[in-house]
Amino acid sequence: LFLSGDEKSELNEFEINCQASSFAKDAHNLRNSRDERIRLIDKRTGEAQTAMEEINEKLNSCRFSDQNMEQRMRRLEEIAENSLKTLHVSLYHLLLVKQIFSNSI
């Protein structure tokens, strides 16, 4: 294949344009690929943040329930302690009354 000087010049220019176009296309694809990765990472980060917020809400709810249950348990323990004290006092009085009646007969 024999080319004249002008044809060689045109062929060289054509090759340069093709390379430039190819490089531009590659750069565009790379930018799009990066943008897509950034978009996916952003989406996943948002999903993770939403999941963490839901877990935090559940944790706070569990803590509130635990605190509520602890308060109820303390109140029940107080009632049981007061009931036991009352029972002891009642038994003591009952024994006193029984002793008084047995001594009076």
N, C-alpha and C. Protein backbone atom coordinates (compact mmCIF):
# COMPACT_ATOMS: atom_id res chain seq x y z
N LEU A 1 0.85 -1.17 0.00
CA LEU A 1 0.00 0.00 0.00
C LEU A 1 0.90 1.24 0.00
N PHE A 2 0.72 2.06 -1.00
CA PHE A 2 1.52 3.27 -1.13
C PHE A 2 0.60 4.47 -1.02
N LEU A 3 0.99 5.39 -0.15
CA LEU A 3 0.18 6.60 0.06
C LEU A 3 1.03 7.82 -0.23
N SER A 4 0.33 8.82 -0.74
CA SER A 4 1.02 10.09 -0.99
C SER A 4 1.19 10.82 0.34
N GLY A 5 1.89 11.89 0.35
CA GLY A 5 2.12 12.69 1.56
C GLY A 5 0.83 13.21 2.16
N ASP A 6 -0.09 13.70 1.32
CA ASP A 6 -1.39 14.21 1.80
C ASP A 6 -2.22 13.08 2.39
N GLU A 7 -2.19 11.92 1.72
CA GLU A 7 -2.95 10.76 2.21
C GLU A 7 -2.39 10.27 3.55
N LYS A 8 -1.05 10.28 3.66
CA LYS A 8 -0.44 9.89 4.94
C LYS A 8 -0.85 10.87 6.04
N SER A 9 -0.86 12.13 5.69
CA SER A 9 -1.25 13.17 6.64
C SER A 9 -2.71 12.99 7.06
N GLU A 10 -3.58 12.71 6.10
CA GLU A 10 -5.01 12.48 6.41
C GLU A 10 -5.17 11.22 7.26
N LEU A 11 -4.43 10.16 6.93
CA LEU A 11 -4.50 8.92 7.69
C LEU A 11 -4.00 9.14 9.12
N ASN A 12 -2.92 9.89 9.24
CA ASN A 12 -2.38 10.19 10.57
C ASN A 12 -3.40 11.00 11.38
N GLU A 13 -4.01 11.98 10.75
CA GLU A 13 -5.03 12.80 11.42
C GLU A 13 -6.24 11.94 11.82
N PHE A 14 -6.66 11.04 10.94
CA PHE A 14 -7.76 10.13 11.22
C PHE A 14 -7.44 9.25 12.42
N GLU A 15 -6.19 8.70 12.47
CA GLU A 15 -5.79 7.86 13.60
C GLU A 15 -5.79 8.65 14.91
N ILE A 16 -5.31 9.88 14.85
CA ILE A 16 -5.28 10.74 16.04
C ILE A 16 -6.71 11.01 16.52
N ASN A 17 -7.61 11.32 15.59
CA ASN A 17 -9.02 11.57 15.94
C ASN A 17 -9.66 10.33 16.54
N CYS A 18 -9.36 9.15 15.97
CA CYS A 18 -9.92 7.91 16.50
C CYS A 18 -9.41 7.64 17.91
N GLN A 19 -8.11 7.86 18.14
CA GLN A 19 -7.54 7.66 19.46
C GLN A 19 -8.14 8.65 20.46
N ALA A 20 -8.26 9.89 20.05
CA ALA A 20 -8.84 10.91 20.94
C ALA A 20 -10.28 10.55 21.28
N SER A 21 -11.03 10.10 20.26
CA SER A 21 -12.40 9.69 20.50
C SER A 21 -12.46 8.49 21.45
N SER A 22 -11.58 7.54 21.24
CA SER A 22 -11.52 6.36 22.10
C SER A 22 -11.17 6.74 23.53
N PHE A 23 -10.16 7.61 23.70
CA PHE A 23 -9.77 8.05 25.03
C PHE A 23 -10.91 8.82 25.71
N ALA A 24 -11.60 9.66 24.94
CA ALA A 24 -12.72 10.42 25.49
C ALA A 24 -13.83 9.48 25.94
N LYS A 25 -14.11 8.45 25.11
CA LYS A 25 -15.14 7.47 25.45
C LYS A 25 -14.75 6.70 26.72
N ASP A 26 -13.47 6.30 26.80
CA ASP A 26 -12.98 5.58 27.99
C ASP A 26 -13.09 6.45 29.24
N ALA A 27 -12.71 7.72 29.10
CA ALA A 27 -12.79 8.65 30.24
C ALA A 27 -14.24 8.84 30.67
N HIS A 28 -15.13 8.95 29.68
CA HIS A 28 -16.56 9.10 29.98
C HIS A 28 -17.08 7.86 30.71
N ASN A 29 -16.73 6.68 30.22
CA ASN A 29 -17.16 5.43 30.87
C ASN A 29 -16.60 5.32 32.28
N LEU A 30 -15.35 5.74 32.45
CA LEU A 30 -14.73 5.71 33.78
C LEU A 30 -15.46 6.65 34.73
N ARG A 31 -15.78 7.86 34.26
CA ARG A 31 -16.54 8.81 35.07
C ARG A 31 -17.89 8.24 35.44
N ASN A 32 -18.57 7.65 34.45
CA ASN A 32 -19.88 7.05 34.71
C ASN A 32 -19.77 5.90 35.70
N SER A 33 -18.71 5.10 35.54
CA SER A 33 -18.49 3.98 36.45
C SER A 33 -18.26 4.50 37.87
N ARG A 34 -17.44 5.52 38.01
CA ARG A 34 -17.20 6.11 39.33
C ARG A 34 -18.48 6.69 39.90
N ASP A 35 -19.22 7.42 39.07
CA ASP A 35 -20.48 8.01 39.51
C ASP A 35 -21.45 6.92 39.97
N GLU A 36 -21.50 5.82 39.23
CA GLU A 36 -22.39 4.71 39.58
C GLU A 36 -21.95 4.08 40.90
N ARG A 37 -20.65 3.89 41.07
CA ARG A 37 -20.16 3.33 42.33
C ARG A 37 -20.48 4.26 43.50
N ILE A 38 -20.29 5.55 43.29
CA ILE A 38 -20.60 6.53 44.33
C ILE A 38 -22.09 6.49 44.65
N ARG A 39 -22.92 6.40 43.62
CA ARG A 39 -24.37 6.33 43.83
C ARG A 39 -24.74 5.07 44.62
N LEU A 40 -24.15 3.93 44.25
CA LEU A 40 -24.44 2.68 44.96
C LEU A 40 -23.97 2.73 46.41
N ILE A 41 -22.78 3.29 46.62
CA ILE A 41 -22.26 3.42 47.99
C ILE A 41 -23.16 4.33 48.80
N ASP A 42 -23.60 5.43 48.19
CA ASP A 42 -24.50 6.36 48.87
C ASP A 42 -25.82 5.67 49.22
N LYS A 43 -26.34 4.88 48.30
CA LYS A 43 -27.59 4.16 48.54
C LYS A 43 -27.41 3.16 49.69
N ARG A 44 -26.32 2.40 49.65
CA ARG A 44 -26.07 1.41 50.70
C ARG A 44 -25.85 2.08 52.05
N THR A 45 -25.17 3.21 52.04
CA THR A 45 -24.95 3.96 53.27
C THR A 45 -26.28 4.45 53.84
N GLY A 46 -27.14 4.93 52.98
CA GLY A 46 -28.48 5.36 53.43
C GLY A 46 -29.27 4.21 54.01
N GLU A 47 -29.20 3.04 53.36
CA GLU A 47 -29.90 1.87 53.87
C GLU A 47 -29.34 1.44 55.22
N ALA A 48 -28.01 1.48 55.35
CA ALA A 48 -27.38 1.12 56.62
C ALA A 48 -27.77 2.10 57.71
N GLN A 49 -27.83 3.37 57.36
CA GLN A 49 -28.22 4.39 58.34
C GLN A 49 -29.65 4.17 58.79
N THR A 50 -30.54 3.86 57.85
CA THR A 50 -31.93 3.59 58.20
C THR A 50 -32.02 2.37 59.11
N ALA A 51 -31.27 1.32 58.79
CA ALA A 51 -31.27 0.12 59.63
C ALA A 51 -30.75 0.44 61.03
N MET A 52 -29.70 1.25 61.12
CA MET A 52 -29.16 1.63 62.43
C MET A 52 -30.16 2.46 63.23
N GLU A 53 -30.89 3.33 62.56
CA GLU A 53 -31.91 4.13 63.25
C GLU A 53 -33.02 3.23 63.78
N GLU A 54 -33.43 2.23 62.98
CA GLU A 54 -34.45 1.29 63.43
C GLU A 54 -33.96 0.49 64.63
N ILE A 55 -32.71 0.04 64.57
CA ILE A 55 -32.13 -0.71 65.69
C ILE A 55 -32.07 0.18 66.93
N ASN A 56 -31.69 1.43 66.75
CA ASN A 56 -31.62 2.36 67.87
C ASN A 56 -33.00 2.58 68.50
N GLU A 57 -34.03 2.71 67.66
CA GLU A 57 -35.39 2.88 68.17
C GLU A 57 -35.82 1.65 68.96
N LYS A 58 -35.53 0.45 68.44
CA LYS A 58 -35.88 -0.78 69.14
C LYS A 58 -35.13 -0.88 70.46
N LEU A 59 -33.85 -0.50 70.45
CA LEU A 59 -33.04 -0.53 71.66
C LEU A 59 -33.60 0.41 72.71
N ASN A 60 -33.97 1.61 72.29
CA ASN A 60 -34.57 2.58 73.22
C ASN A 60 -35.88 2.05 73.77
N SER A 61 -36.67 1.41 72.93
CA SER A 61 -37.94 0.84 73.38
C SER A 61 -37.68 -0.26 74.40
N CYS A 62 -36.69 -1.11 74.14
CA CYS A 62 -36.34 -2.19 75.08
C CYS A 62 -35.86 -1.61 76.40
N ARG A 63 -35.04 -0.57 76.32
CA ARG A 63 -34.55 0.08 77.56
C ARG A 63 -35.72 0.64 78.36
N PHE A 64 -36.65 1.29 77.68
CA PHE A 64 -37.80 1.85 78.36
C PHE A 64 -38.61 0.73 79.01
N SER A 65 -38.82 -0.37 78.29
CA SER A 65 -39.56 -1.51 78.83
C SER A 65 -38.84 -2.09 80.03
N ASP A 66 -37.52 -2.21 79.93
CA ASP A 66 -36.74 -2.74 81.05
C ASP A 66 -36.85 -1.84 82.27
N GLN A 67 -36.75 -0.53 82.06
CA GLN A 67 -36.87 0.41 83.18
C GLN A 67 -38.26 0.32 83.81
N ASN A 68 -39.27 0.23 82.96
CA ASN A 68 -40.63 0.12 83.45
C ASN A 68 -40.80 -1.17 84.25
N MET A 69 -40.25 -2.27 83.74
CA MET A 69 -40.34 -3.55 84.43
C MET A 69 -39.60 -3.51 85.76
N GLU A 70 -38.42 -2.88 85.78
CA GLU A 70 -37.67 -2.75 87.03
C GLU A 70 -38.45 -1.95 88.06
N GLN A 71 -39.10 -0.88 87.64
CA GLN A 71 -39.92 -0.09 88.57
C GLN A 71 -41.06 -0.93 89.14
N ARG A 72 -41.70 -1.70 88.27
CA ARG A 72 -42.79 -2.56 88.74
C ARG A 72 -42.28 -3.62 89.71
N MET A 73 -41.12 -4.20 89.39
CA MET A 73 -40.54 -5.22 90.27
C MET A 73 -40.20 -4.62 91.64
N ARG A 74 -39.62 -3.42 91.65
CA ARG A 74 -39.31 -2.76 92.92
C ARG A 74 -40.57 -2.51 93.73
N ARG A 75 -41.62 -2.10 93.04
CA ARG A 75 -42.89 -1.84 93.74
C ARG A 75 -43.46 -3.14 94.30
N LEU A 76 -43.40 -4.22 93.53
CA LEU A 76 -43.86 -5.51 94.03
C LEU A 76 -43.03 -5.99 95.22
N GLU A 77 -41.72 -5.77 95.16
CA GLU A 77 -40.87 -6.14 96.28
C GLU A 77 -41.23 -5.34 97.52
N GLU A 78 -41.52 -4.04 97.35
CA GLU A 78 -41.95 -3.21 98.48
C GLU A 78 -43.26 -3.73 99.07
N ILE A 79 -44.20 -4.06 98.20
CA ILE A 79 -45.49 -4.58 98.66
C ILE A 79 -45.28 -5.89 99.41
N ALA A 80 -44.45 -6.79 98.85
CA ALA A 80 -44.18 -8.07 99.50
C ALA A 80 -43.52 -7.86 100.86
N GLU A 81 -42.56 -6.93 100.93
CA GLU A 81 -41.89 -6.64 102.20
C GLU A 81 -42.87 -6.09 103.22
N ASN A 82 -43.72 -5.14 102.79
CA ASN A 82 -44.73 -4.58 103.70
C ASN A 82 -45.72 -5.65 104.14
N SER A 83 -46.10 -6.53 103.22
CA SER A 83 -47.04 -7.61 103.58
C SER A 83 -46.41 -8.54 104.59
N LEU A 84 -45.14 -8.86 104.42
CA LEU A 84 -44.44 -9.73 105.35
C LEU A 84 -44.33 -9.08 106.73
N LYS A 85 -44.02 -7.79 106.75
CA LYS A 85 -43.97 -7.07 108.03
C LYS A 85 -45.33 -7.09 108.71
N THR A 86 -46.37 -6.84 107.94
CA THR A 86 -47.72 -6.85 108.49
C THR A 86 -48.07 -8.23 109.02
N LEU A 87 -47.69 -9.27 108.30
CA LEU A 87 -47.95 -10.64 108.74
C LEU A 87 -47.21 -10.92 110.05
N HIS A 88 -45.98 -10.51 110.16
CA HIS A 88 -45.21 -10.71 111.38
C HIS A 88 -45.87 -10.00 112.57
N VAL A 89 -46.27 -8.76 112.35
CA VAL A 89 -46.94 -7.99 113.41
C VAL A 89 -48.25 -8.67 113.80
N SER A 90 -48.99 -9.12 112.79
CA SER A 90 -50.28 -9.78 113.08
C SER A 90 -50.05 -11.08 113.86
N LEU A 91 -49.05 -11.86 113.48
CA LEU A 91 -48.74 -13.10 114.21
C LEU A 91 -48.30 -12.80 115.64
N TYR A 92 -47.51 -11.76 115.80
CA TYR A 92 -47.08 -11.37 117.14
C TYR A 92 -48.29 -11.01 118.00
N HIS A 93 -49.21 -10.21 117.45
CA HIS A 93 -50.42 -9.84 118.20
C HIS A 93 -51.29 -11.05 118.49
N LEU A 94 -51.38 -11.94 117.53
CA LEU A 94 -52.17 -13.15 117.73
C LEU A 94 -51.59 -13.99 118.86
N LEU A 95 -50.27 -14.12 118.88
CA LEU A 95 -49.63 -14.86 119.97
C LEU A 95 -49.83 -14.17 121.31
N LEU A 96 -49.78 -12.85 121.33
CA LEU A 96 -50.03 -12.11 122.58
C LEU A 96 -51.46 -12.34 123.07
N VAL A 97 -52.39 -12.25 122.14
CA VAL A 97 -53.80 -12.45 122.51
C VAL A 97 -54.00 -13.87 123.03
N LYS A 98 -53.39 -14.85 122.36
CA LYS A 98 -53.51 -16.24 122.77
C LYS A 98 -52.91 -16.44 124.16
N GLN A 99 -51.78 -15.80 124.41
CA GLN A 99 -51.14 -15.93 125.72
C GLN A 99 -51.97 -15.27 126.80
N ILE A 100 -52.55 -14.12 126.46
CA ILE A 100 -53.40 -13.43 127.44
C ILE A 100 -54.60 -14.28 127.80
N PHE A 101 -55.24 -14.90 126.81
CA PHE A 101 -56.42 -15.72 127.07
C PHE A 101 -56.05 -17.00 127.82
N SER A 102 -54.89 -17.57 127.50
CA SER A 102 -54.51 -18.79 128.20
C SER A 102 -54.10 -18.51 129.64
N ASN A 103 -53.58 -17.33 129.92
CA ASN A 103 -53.23 -16.95 131.29
C ASN A 103 -54.47 -16.56 132.08
N SER A 104 -55.47 -16.05 131.44
CA SER A 104 -56.68 -15.60 132.14
C SER A 104 -57.62 -16.76 132.48
N ILE A 105 -57.45 -17.87 131.85
CA ILE A 105 -58.34 -18.99 132.14
C ILE A 105 -57.86 -19.79 133.27
